[in-house]
């Protein structure tokens, strides 16, 4: 999920990151905007900025499968606990009720 560190990227959400995490796939992402915030919440992947960072992160994930699998499980746990519809259904319903 490579992004540039600019205003456009800062405003993007971590949707793709969360989708992969929900499937227990460890992520390598540009650590900008919300991506960085999610990376700080759990050990679910790695941040990469330069081409060398990307190569090293992907190489590391490929060669340390045990850690990559743990990161994947941690990502799935975080998504379920904090970002899932089941978790946020009540929050959304209450927001709608408050404007009616």
PDB file of N, CA and C in Angstrom:
ATOM      1  N   UNK A   1       0.835  -1.168   0.000  1.00  0.00           N
ATOM      2  CA  UNK A   1       0.000   0.000   0.000  1.00  0.00           C
ATOM      3  C   UNK A   1       0.889   1.244   0.000  1.00  0.00           C
ATOM      4  N   UNK A   2       1.687   1.430  -1.028  1.00  0.00           N
ATOM      5  CA  UNK A   2       2.573   2.608  -1.057  1.00  0.00           C
ATOM      6  C   UNK A   2       1.806   3.898  -1.342  1.00  0.00           C
ATOM      7  N   UNK A   3       2.101   4.906  -0.556  1.00  0.00           N
ATOM      8  CA  UNK A   3       1.511   6.236  -0.725  1.00  0.00           C
ATOM      9  C   UNK A   3       2.606   7.282  -0.628  1.00  0.00           C
ATOM     10  N   UNK A   4       2.363   8.423  -1.235  1.00  0.00           N
ATOM     11  CA  UNK A   4       3.265   9.563  -1.056  1.00  0.00           C
ATOM     12  C   UNK A   4       2.886  10.274   0.235  1.00  0.00           C
ATOM     13  N   UNK A   5       3.837  10.944   0.839  1.00  0.00           N
ATOM     14  CA  UNK A   5       3.558  11.719   2.050  1.00  0.00           C
ATOM     15  C   UNK A   5       3.148  13.121   1.626  1.00  0.00           C
ATOM     16  N   UNK A   6       1.877  13.260   1.236  1.00  0.00           N
ATOM     17  CA  UNK A   6       1.351  14.563   0.827  1.00  0.00           C
ATOM     18  C   UNK A   6      -0.054  14.738   1.410  1.00  0.00           C
ATOM     19  N   UNK A   7      -0.648  15.896   1.167  1.00  0.00           N
ATOM     20  CA  UNK A   7      -1.974  16.174   1.748  1.00  0.00           C
ATOM     21  C   UNK A   7      -3.009  15.152   1.317  1.00  0.00           C
ATOM     22  N   UNK A   8      -2.979  14.756   0.055  1.00  0.00           N
ATOM     23  CA  UNK A   8      -3.946  13.782  -0.446  1.00  0.00           C
ATOM     24  C   UNK A   8      -3.829  12.468   0.334  1.00  0.00           C
ATOM     25  N   UNK A   9      -2.614  11.983   0.485  1.00  0.00           N
ATOM     26  CA  UNK A   9      -2.402  10.724   1.195  1.00  0.00           C
ATOM     27  C   UNK A   9      -2.730  10.844   2.677  1.00  0.00           C
ATOM     28  N   UNK A  10      -2.454  11.983   3.258  1.00  0.00           N
ATOM     29  CA  UNK A  10      -2.758  12.178   4.680  1.00  0.00           C
ATOM     30  C   UNK A  10      -4.254  12.031   4.945  1.00  0.00           C
ATOM     31  N   UNK A  11      -5.068  12.391   3.945  1.00  0.00           N
ATOM     32  CA  UNK A  11      -6.518  12.325   4.114  1.00  0.00           C
ATOM     33  C   UNK A  11      -7.127  10.977   3.781  1.00  0.00           C
ATOM     34  N   UNK A  12      -6.346  10.084   3.227  1.00  0.00           N
ATOM     35  CA  UNK A  12      -6.882   8.769   2.860  1.00  0.00           C
ATOM     36  C   UNK A  12      -7.033   7.914   4.119  1.00  0.00           C
ATOM     37  N   UNK A  13      -8.026   7.072   4.095  1.00  0.00           N
ATOM     38  CA  UNK A  13      -8.211   6.177   5.233  1.00  0.00           C
ATOM     39  C   UNK A  13      -7.409   4.900   5.019  1.00  0.00           C
ATOM     40  N   UNK A  14      -7.401   4.064   6.011  1.00  0.00           N
ATOM     41  CA  UNK A  14      -6.629   2.828   5.994  1.00  0.00           C
ATOM     42  C   UNK A  14      -7.497   1.648   5.555  1.00  0.00           C
ATOM     43  N   UNK A  15      -8.467   1.887   4.664  1.00  0.00           N
ATOM     44  CA  UNK A  15      -9.436   0.862   4.291  1.00  0.00           C
ATOM     45  C   UNK A  15      -8.776  -0.416   3.780  1.00  0.00           C
ATOM     46  N   UNK A  16      -7.873  -0.292   2.811  1.00  0.00           N
ATOM     47  CA  UNK A  16      -7.223  -1.484   2.254  1.00  0.00           C
ATOM     48  C   UNK A  16      -6.417  -2.203   3.336  1.00  0.00           C
ATOM     49  N   UNK A  17      -5.754  -1.445   4.172  1.00  0.00           N
ATOM     50  CA  UNK A  17      -4.977  -2.012   5.271  1.00  0.00           C
ATOM     51  C   UNK A  17      -5.885  -2.824   6.197  1.00  0.00           C
ATOM     52  N   UNK A  18      -7.047  -2.270   6.519  1.00  0.00           N
ATOM     53  CA  UNK A  18      -7.984  -2.951   7.405  1.00  0.00           C
ATOM     54  C   UNK A  18      -8.593  -4.180   6.723  1.00  0.00           C
ATOM     55  N   UNK A  19      -8.832  -4.103   5.411  1.00  0.00           N
ATOM     56  CA  UNK A  19      -9.357  -5.265   4.695  1.00  0.00           C
ATOM     57  C   UNK A  19      -8.381  -6.437   4.758  1.00  0.00           C
ATOM     58  N   UNK A  20      -7.126  -6.163   4.478  1.00  0.00           N
ATOM     59  CA  UNK A  20      -6.119  -7.227   4.550  1.00  0.00           C
ATOM     60  C   UNK A  20      -6.002  -7.753   5.980  1.00  0.00           C
ATOM     61  N   UNK A  21      -5.992  -6.851   6.942  1.00  0.00           N
ATOM     62  CA  UNK A  21      -5.877  -7.264   8.340  1.00  0.00           C
ATOM     63  C   UNK A  21      -7.059  -8.128   8.765  1.00  0.00           C
ATOM     64  N   UNK A  22      -8.251  -7.794   8.300  1.00  0.00           N
ATOM     65  CA  UNK A  22      -9.438  -8.580   8.639  1.00  0.00           C
ATOM     66  C   UNK A  22      -9.322 -10.014   8.132  1.00  0.00           C
ATOM     67  N   UNK A  23      -8.501 -10.223   7.110  1.00  0.00           N
ATOM     68  CA  UNK A  23      -8.283 -11.560   6.537  1.00  0.00           C
ATOM     69  C   UNK A  23      -7.028 -12.220   7.097  1.00  0.00           C
ATOM     70  N   UNK A  24      -6.483 -11.675   8.170  1.00  0.00           N
ATOM     71  CA  UNK A  24      -5.276 -12.208   8.824  1.00  0.00           C
ATOM     72  C   UNK A  24      -4.026 -12.097   7.963  1.00  0.00           C
ATOM     73  N   UNK A  25      -3.997 -11.130   7.066  1.00  0.00           N
ATOM     74  CA  UNK A  25      -2.826 -10.916   6.224  1.00  0.00           C
ATOM     75  C   UNK A  25      -2.006  -9.774   6.826  1.00  0.00           C
ATOM     76  N   UNK A  26      -0.736 -10.013   7.162  1.00  0.00           N
ATOM     77  CA  UNK A  26       0.085  -8.920   7.693  1.00  0.00           C
ATOM     78  C   UNK A  26       0.288  -7.876   6.604  1.00  0.00           C
ATOM     79  N   UNK A  27       0.423  -6.628   7.005  1.00  0.00           N
ATOM     80  CA  UNK A  27       0.486  -5.541   6.028  1.00  0.00           C
ATOM     81  C   UNK A  27       1.858  -4.864   6.021  1.00  0.00           C
ATOM     82  N   UNK A  28       2.185  -4.327   4.858  1.00  0.00           N
ATOM     83  CA  UNK A  28       3.297  -3.400   4.711  1.00  0.00           C
ATOM     84  C   UNK A  28       2.679  -2.176   4.073  1.00  0.00           C
ATOM     85  N   UNK A  29       2.764  -1.042   4.754  1.00  0.00           N
ATOM     86  CA  UNK A  29       2.079   0.172   4.309  1.00  0.00           C
ATOM     87  C   UNK A  29       2.981   1.389   4.456  1.00  0.00           C
ATOM     88  N   UNK A  30       2.638   2.432   3.728  1.00  0.00           N
ATOM     89  CA  UNK A  30       3.286   3.725   3.945  1.00  0.00           C
ATOM     90  C   UNK A  30       2.750   4.268   5.264  1.00  0.00           C
ATOM     91  N   UNK A  31       3.616   4.607   6.206  1.00  0.00           N
ATOM     92  CA  UNK A  31       3.165   5.001   7.541  1.00  0.00           C
ATOM     93  C   UNK A  31       2.757   6.473   7.620  1.00  0.00           C
ATOM     94  N   UNK A  32       1.778   6.854   6.811  1.00  0.00           N
ATOM     95  CA  UNK A  32       1.301   8.237   6.779  1.00  0.00           C
ATOM     96  C   UNK A  32      -0.173   8.265   7.144  1.00  0.00           C
ATOM     97  N   UNK A  33      -0.615   9.368   7.720  1.00  0.00           N
ATOM     98  CA  UNK A  33      -2.032   9.541   8.015  1.00  0.00           C
ATOM     99  C   UNK A  33      -2.567   8.461   8.930  1.00  0.00           C
ATOM    100  N   UNK A  34      -3.761   7.979   8.592  1.00  0.00           N
ATOM    101  CA  UNK A  34      -4.427   6.976   9.414  1.00  0.00           C
ATOM    102  C   UNK A  34      -3.653   5.655   9.406  1.00  0.00           C
ATOM    103  N   UNK A  35      -2.950   5.359   8.322  1.00  0.00           N
ATOM    104  CA  UNK A  35      -2.134   4.137   8.303  1.00  0.00           C
ATOM    105  C   UNK A  35      -1.206   4.085   9.504  1.00  0.00           C
ATOM    106  N   UNK A  36      -0.551   5.197   9.780  1.00  0.00           N
ATOM    107  CA  UNK A  36       0.385   5.241  10.911  1.00  0.00           C
ATOM    108  C   UNK A  36      -0.351   5.042  12.231  1.00  0.00           C
ATOM    109  N   UNK A  37      -1.526   5.649  12.355  1.00  0.00           N
ATOM    110  CA  UNK A  37      -2.303   5.488  13.592  1.00  0.00           C
ATOM    111  C   UNK A  37      -2.659   4.024  13.819  1.00  0.00           C
ATOM    112  N   UNK A  38      -3.095   3.332  12.770  1.00  0.00           N
ATOM    113  CA  UNK A  38      -3.461   1.922  12.910  1.00  0.00           C
ATOM    114  C   UNK A  38      -2.223   1.087  13.217  1.00  0.00           C
ATOM    115  N   UNK A  39      -1.101   1.378  12.573  1.00  0.00           N
ATOM    116  CA  UNK A  39       0.137   0.643  12.876  1.00  0.00           C
ATOM    117  C   UNK A  39       0.511   0.767  14.350  1.00  0.00           C
ATOM    118  N   UNK A  40       0.223   1.916  14.955  1.00  0.00           N
ATOM    119  CA  UNK A  40       0.571   2.128  16.355  1.00  0.00           C
ATOM    120  C   UNK A  40      -0.347   1.363  17.301  1.00  0.00           C
ATOM    121  N   UNK A  41      -1.528   0.970  16.819  1.00  0.00           N
ATOM    122  CA  UNK A  41      -2.510   0.302  17.678  1.00  0.00           C
ATOM    123  C   UNK A  41      -2.191  -1.160  17.940  1.00  0.00           C
ATOM    124  N   UNK A  42      -1.505  -1.808  17.019  1.00  0.00           N
ATOM    125  CA  UNK A  42      -1.222  -3.240  17.167  1.00  0.00           C
ATOM    126  C   UNK A  42      -0.035  -3.611  16.288  1.00  0.00           C
ATOM    127  N   UNK A  43       0.573  -4.721  16.608  1.00  0.00           N
ATOM    128  CA  UNK A  43       1.701  -5.234  15.824  1.00  0.00           C
ATOM    129  C   UNK A  43       1.153  -6.059  14.661  1.00  0.00           C
ATOM    130  N   UNK A  44       0.558  -5.358  13.674  1.00  0.00           N
ATOM    131  CA  UNK A  44      -0.115  -6.033  12.576  1.00  0.00           C
ATOM    132  C   UNK A  44       0.626  -5.926  11.255  1.00  0.00           C
ATOM    133  N   UNK A  45       1.757  -5.225  11.254  1.00  0.00           N
ATOM    134  CA  UNK A  45       2.516  -5.088  10.024  1.00  0.00           C
ATOM    135  C   UNK A  45       3.655  -4.107  10.173  1.00  0.00           C
ATOM    136  N   UNK A  46       4.186  -3.702   9.033  1.00  0.00           N
ATOM    137  CA  UNK A  46       5.359  -2.826   9.013  1.00  0.00           C
ATOM    138  C   UNK A  46       5.098  -1.587   8.175  1.00  0.00           C
ATOM    139  N   UNK A  47       5.737  -0.499   8.545  1.00  0.00           N
ATOM    140  CA  UNK A  47       5.690   0.722   7.762  1.00  0.00           C
ATOM    141  C   UNK A  47       6.925   0.802   6.871  1.00  0.00           C
ATOM    142  N   UNK A  48       6.722   1.268   5.646  1.00  0.00           N
ATOM    143  CA  UNK A  48       7.838   1.384   4.700  1.00  0.00           C
ATOM    144  C   UNK A  48       7.718   2.703   3.945  1.00  0.00           C
ATOM    145  N   UNK A  49       8.845   3.407   3.810  1.00  0.00           N
ATOM    146  CA  UNK A  49       8.855   4.692   3.117  1.00  0.00           C
ATOM    147  C   UNK A  49       9.653   4.604   1.825  1.00  0.00           C
ATOM    148  N   UNK A  50      10.903   4.187   1.928  1.00  0.00           N
ATOM    149  CA  UNK A  50      11.782   4.138   0.753  1.00  0.00           C
ATOM    150  C   UNK A  50      11.643   2.794   0.028  1.00  0.00           C
ATOM    151  N   UNK A  51      12.189   2.731  -1.166  1.00  0.00           N
ATOM    152  CA  UNK A  51      12.198   1.465  -1.913  1.00  0.00           C
ATOM    153  C   UNK A  51      12.925   0.377  -1.128  1.00  0.00           C
ATOM    154  N   UNK A  52      14.018   0.761  -0.485  1.00  0.00           N
ATOM    155  CA  UNK A  52      14.751  -0.209   0.342  1.00  0.00           C
ATOM    156  C   UNK A  52      13.893  -0.700   1.513  1.00  0.00           C
ATOM    157  N   UNK A  53      13.133   0.216   2.141  1.00  0.00           N
ATOM    158  CA  UNK A  53      12.230  -0.177   3.235  1.00  0.00           C
ATOM    159  C   UNK A  53      11.219  -1.213   2.752  1.00  0.00           C
ATOM    160  N   UNK A  54      10.641  -0.954   1.570  1.00  0.00           N
ATOM    161  CA  UNK A  54       9.646  -1.880   1.019  1.00  0.00           C
ATOM    162  C   UNK A  54      10.273  -3.245   0.778  1.00  0.00           C
ATOM    163  N   UNK A  55      11.425  -3.264   0.140  1.00  0.00           N
ATOM    164  CA  UNK A  55      12.104  -4.521  -0.134  1.00  0.00           C
ATOM    165  C   UNK A  55      12.405  -5.257   1.174  1.00  0.00           C
ATOM    166  N   UNK A  56      13.009  -4.555   2.125  1.00  0.00           N
ATOM    167  CA  UNK A  56      13.384  -5.179   3.397  1.00  0.00           C
ATOM    168  C   UNK A  56      12.168  -5.707   4.144  1.00  0.00           C
ATOM    169  N   UNK A  57      11.079  -4.941   4.164  1.00  0.00           N
ATOM    170  CA  UNK A  57       9.868  -5.361   4.882  1.00  0.00           C
ATOM    171  C   UNK A  57       9.259  -6.606   4.255  1.00  0.00           C
ATOM    172  N   UNK A  58       9.136  -6.610   2.935  1.00  0.00           N
ATOM    173  CA  UNK A  58       8.563  -7.772   2.259  1.00  0.00           C
ATOM    174  C   UNK A  58       9.472  -8.988   2.387  1.00  0.00           C
ATOM    175  N   UNK A  59      10.772  -8.773   2.290  1.00  0.00           N
ATOM    176  CA  UNK A  59      11.748  -9.849   2.474  1.00  0.00           C
ATOM    177  C   UNK A  59      11.622 -10.445   3.879  1.00  0.00           C
ATOM    178  N   UNK A  60      11.536  -9.566   4.874  1.00  0.00           N
ATOM    179  CA  UNK A  60      11.407  -9.980   6.263  1.00  0.00           C
ATOM    180  C   UNK A  60      10.132 -10.800   6.467  1.00  0.00           C
ATOM    181  N   UNK A  61       9.001 -10.296   5.939  1.00  0.00           N
ATOM    182  CA  UNK A  61       7.727 -11.013   6.081  1.00  0.00           C
ATOM    183  C   UNK A  61       7.796 -12.395   5.440  1.00  0.00           C
ATOM    184  N   UNK A  62       8.431 -12.473   4.277  1.00  0.00           N
ATOM    185  CA  UNK A  62       8.536 -13.737   3.563  1.00  0.00           C
ATOM    186  C   UNK A  62       9.383 -14.739   4.340  1.00  0.00           C
ATOM    187  N   UNK A  63      10.452 -14.275   4.960  1.00  0.00           N
ATOM    188  CA  UNK A  63      11.387 -15.179   5.618  1.00  0.00           C
ATOM    189  C   UNK A  63      11.062 -15.458   7.079  1.00  0.00           C
ATOM    190  N   UNK A  64      10.286 -14.626   7.725  1.00  0.00           N
ATOM    191  CA  UNK A  64       9.885 -14.912   9.110  1.00  0.00           C
ATOM    192  C   UNK A  64       8.379 -15.162   9.125  1.00  0.00           C
ATOM    193  N   UNK A  65       7.987 -16.325   8.630  1.00  0.00           N
ATOM    194  CA  UNK A  65       6.570 -16.657   8.486  1.00  0.00           C
ATOM    195  C   UNK A  65       5.860 -16.698   9.837  1.00  0.00           C
ATOM    196  N   UNK A  66       6.553 -17.127  10.876  1.00  0.00           N
ATOM    197  CA  UNK A  66       5.921 -17.204  12.191  1.00  0.00           C
ATOM    198  C   UNK A  66       5.507 -15.811  12.662  1.00  0.00           C
ATOM    199  N   UNK A  67       6.408 -14.841  12.539  1.00  0.00           N
ATOM    200  CA  UNK A  67       6.079 -13.472  12.937  1.00  0.00           C
ATOM    201  C   UNK A  67       5.003 -12.894  12.025  1.00  0.00           C
ATOM    202  N   UNK A  68       5.094 -13.157  10.734  1.00  0.00           N
ATOM    203  CA  UNK A  68       4.088 -12.655   9.800  1.00  0.00           C
ATOM    204  C   UNK A  68       2.701 -13.209  10.157  1.00  0.00           C
ATOM    205  N   UNK A  69       2.637 -14.476  10.515  1.00  0.00           N
ATOM    206  CA  UNK A  69       1.356 -15.067  10.904  1.00  0.00           C
ATOM    207  C   UNK A  69       0.831 -14.451  12.192  1.00  0.00           C
ATOM    208  N   UNK A  70       1.714 -14.171  13.144  1.00  0.00           N
ATOM    209  CA  UNK A  70       1.283 -13.504  14.388  1.00  0.00           C
ATOM    210  C   UNK A  70       0.753 -12.112  14.083  1.00  0.00           C
ATOM    211  N   UNK A  71       1.456 -11.384  13.192  1.00  0.00           N
ATOM    212  CA  UNK A  71       0.993 -10.050  12.800  1.00  0.00           C
ATOM    213  C   UNK A  71      -0.379 -10.137  12.132  1.00  0.00           C
ATOM    214  N   UNK A  72      -0.574 -11.140  11.300  1.00  0.00           N
ATOM    215  CA  UNK A  72      -1.865 -11.331  10.653  1.00  0.00           C
ATOM    216  C   UNK A  72      -2.978 -11.580  11.663  1.00  0.00           C
ATOM    217  N   UNK A  73      -2.718 -12.440  12.628  1.00  0.00           N
ATOM    218  CA  UNK A  73      -3.722 -12.712  13.673  1.00  0.00           C
ATOM    219  C   UNK A  73      -3.998 -11.467  14.506  1.00  0.00           C
ATOM    220  N   UNK A  74      -2.960 -10.706  14.811  1.00  0.00           N
ATOM    221  CA  UNK A  74      -3.126  -9.476  15.588  1.00  0.00           C
ATOM    222  C   UNK A  74      -3.963  -8.457  14.807  1.00  0.00           C
ATOM    223  N   UNK A  75      -3.741  -8.378  13.505  1.00  0.00           N
ATOM    224  CA  UNK A  75      -4.537  -7.480  12.670  1.00  0.00           C
ATOM    225  C   UNK A  75      -6.001  -7.872  12.672  1.00  0.00           C
ATOM    226  N   UNK A  76      -6.271  -9.175  12.539  1.00  0.00           N
ATOM    227  CA  UNK A  76      -7.652  -9.641  12.551  1.00  0.00           C
ATOM    228  C   UNK A  76      -8.314  -9.337  13.897  1.00  0.00           C
ATOM    229  N   UNK A  77      -7.578  -9.517  14.976  1.00  0.00           N
ATOM    230  CA  UNK A  77      -8.114  -9.212  16.308  1.00  0.00           C
ATOM    231  C   UNK A  77      -8.459  -7.737  16.423  1.00  0.00           C
ATOM    232  N   UNK A  78      -7.541  -6.865  15.995  1.00  0.00           N
ATOM    233  CA  UNK A  78      -7.767  -5.421  16.090  1.00  0.00           C
ATOM    234  C   UNK A  78      -8.984  -4.994  15.269  1.00  0.00           C
ATOM    235  N   UNK A  79      -9.099  -5.483  14.056  1.00  0.00           N
ATOM    236  CA  UNK A  79     -10.236  -5.118  13.214  1.00  0.00           C
ATOM    237  C   UNK A  79     -11.543  -5.557  13.878  1.00  0.00           C
ATOM    238  N   UNK A  80     -11.566  -6.768  14.402  1.00  0.00           N
ATOM    239  CA  UNK A  80     -12.771  -7.255  15.069  1.00  0.00           C
ATOM    240  C   UNK A  80     -13.146  -6.445  16.291  1.00  0.00           C
ATOM    241  N   UNK A  81     -12.153  -6.051  17.060  1.00  0.00           N
ATOM    242  CA  UNK A  81     -12.410  -5.322  18.303  1.00  0.00           C
ATOM    243  C   UNK A  81     -12.714  -3.845  18.093  1.00  0.00           C
ATOM    244  N   UNK A  82     -12.130  -3.247  17.059  1.00  0.00           N
ATOM    245  CA  UNK A  82     -12.244  -1.788  16.954  1.00  0.00           C
ATOM    246  C   UNK A  82     -12.906  -1.284  15.679  1.00  0.00           C
ATOM    247  N   UNK A  83     -12.779  -1.989  14.568  1.00  0.00           N
ATOM    248  CA  UNK A  83     -13.213  -1.447  13.289  1.00  0.00           C
ATOM    249  C   UNK A  83     -14.369  -2.196  12.636  1.00  0.00           C
ATOM    250  N   UNK A  84     -14.843  -3.262  13.223  1.00  0.00           N
ATOM    251  CA  UNK A  84     -15.889  -4.061  12.585  1.00  0.00           C
ATOM    252  C   UNK A  84     -17.259  -3.394  12.710  1.00  0.00           C
ATOM    253  N   UNK A  85     -18.151  -3.784  11.813  1.00  0.00           N
ATOM    254  CA  UNK A  85     -19.530  -3.290  11.874  1.00  0.00           C
ATOM    255  C   UNK A  85     -20.191  -3.741  13.168  1.00  0.00           C
ATOM    256  N   UNK A  86     -19.904  -4.961  13.578  1.00  0.00           N
ATOM    257  CA  UNK A  86     -20.472  -5.463  14.834  1.00  0.00           C
ATOM    258  C   UNK A  86     -20.078  -4.534  15.989  1.00  0.00           C
ATOM    259  N   UNK A  87     -18.838  -4.115  16.011  1.00  0.00           N
ATOM    260  CA  UNK A  87     -18.352  -3.227  17.078  1.00  0.00           C
ATOM    261  C   UNK A  87     -18.948  -1.835  16.965  1.00  0.00           C
ATOM    262  N   UNK A  88     -19.094  -1.342  15.742  1.00  0.00           N
ATOM    263  CA  UNK A  88     -19.500   0.041  15.541  1.00  0.00           C
ATOM    264  C   UNK A  88     -20.971   0.221  15.186  1.00  0.00           C
ATOM    265  N   UNK A  89     -21.725  -0.860  15.091  1.00  0.00           N
ATOM    266  CA  UNK A  89     -23.153  -0.762  14.764  1.00  0.00           C
ATOM    267  C   UNK A  89     -23.912   0.133  15.727  1.00  0.00           C
ATOM    268  N   UNK A  90     -23.675  -0.042  17.015  1.00  0.00           N
ATOM    269  CA  UNK A  90     -24.353   0.773  18.021  1.00  0.00           C
ATOM    270  C   UNK A  90     -23.954   2.234  17.905  1.00  0.00           C
ATOM    271  N   UNK A  91     -22.684   2.492  17.656  1.00  0.00           N
ATOM    272  CA  UNK A  91     -22.198   3.867  17.496  1.00  0.00           C
ATOM    273  C   UNK A  91     -22.898   4.531  16.306  1.00  0.00           C
ATOM    274  N   UNK A  92     -22.988   3.805  15.193  1.00  0.00           N
ATOM    275  CA  UNK A  92     -23.637   4.344  14.001  1.00  0.00           C
ATOM    276  C   UNK A  92     -25.129   4.569  14.265  1.00  0.00           C
ATOM    277  N   UNK A  93     -25.781   3.596  14.878  1.00  0.00           N
ATOM    278  CA  UNK A  93     -27.213   3.728  15.180  1.00  0.00           C
ATOM    279  C   UNK A  93     -27.477   4.919  16.092  1.00  0.00           C
ATOM    280  N   UNK A  94     -26.657   5.102  17.093  1.00  0.00           N
ATOM    281  CA  UNK A  94     -26.829   6.232  18.012  1.00  0.00           C
ATOM    282  C   UNK A  94     -26.607   7.559  17.305  1.00  0.00           C
ATOM    283  N   UNK A  95     -25.657   7.622  16.391  1.00  0.00           N
ATOM    284  CA  UNK A  95     -25.412   8.849  15.635  1.00  0.00           C
ATOM    285  C   UNK A  95     -26.629   9.196  14.784  1.00  0.00           C
ATOM    286  N   UNK A  96     -27.209   8.191  14.151  1.00  0.00           N
ATOM    287  CA  UNK A  96     -28.403   8.432  13.326  1.00  0.00           C
ATOM    288  C   UNK A  96     -29.570   8.876  14.199  1.00  0.00           C
ATOM    289  N   UNK A  97     -29.778   8.214  15.320  1.00  0.00           N
ATOM    290  CA  UNK A  97     -30.858   8.579  16.248  1.00  0.00           C
ATOM    291  C   UNK A  97     -30.703  10.001  16.755  1.00  0.00           C
ATOM    292  N   UNK A  98     -29.471  10.424  16.965  1.00  0.00           N
ATOM    293  CA  UNK A  98     -29.244  11.759  17.534  1.00  0.00           C
ATOM    294  C   UNK A  98     -29.623  12.888  16.580  1.00  0.00           C
ATOM    295  N   UNK A  99     -29.664  12.611  15.273  1.00  0.00           N
ATOM    296  CA  UNK A  99     -30.046  13.657  14.318  1.00  0.00           C
ATOM    297  C   UNK A  99     -31.505  13.577  13.898  1.00  0.00           C
ATOM    298  N   UNK A 100     -32.201  12.559  14.340  1.00  0.00           N
ATOM    299  CA  UNK A 100     -33.627  12.408  13.988  1.00  0.00           C
ATOM    300  C   UNK A 100     -34.517  13.142  14.934  1.00  0.00           C
TER     301      UNK A 100
END
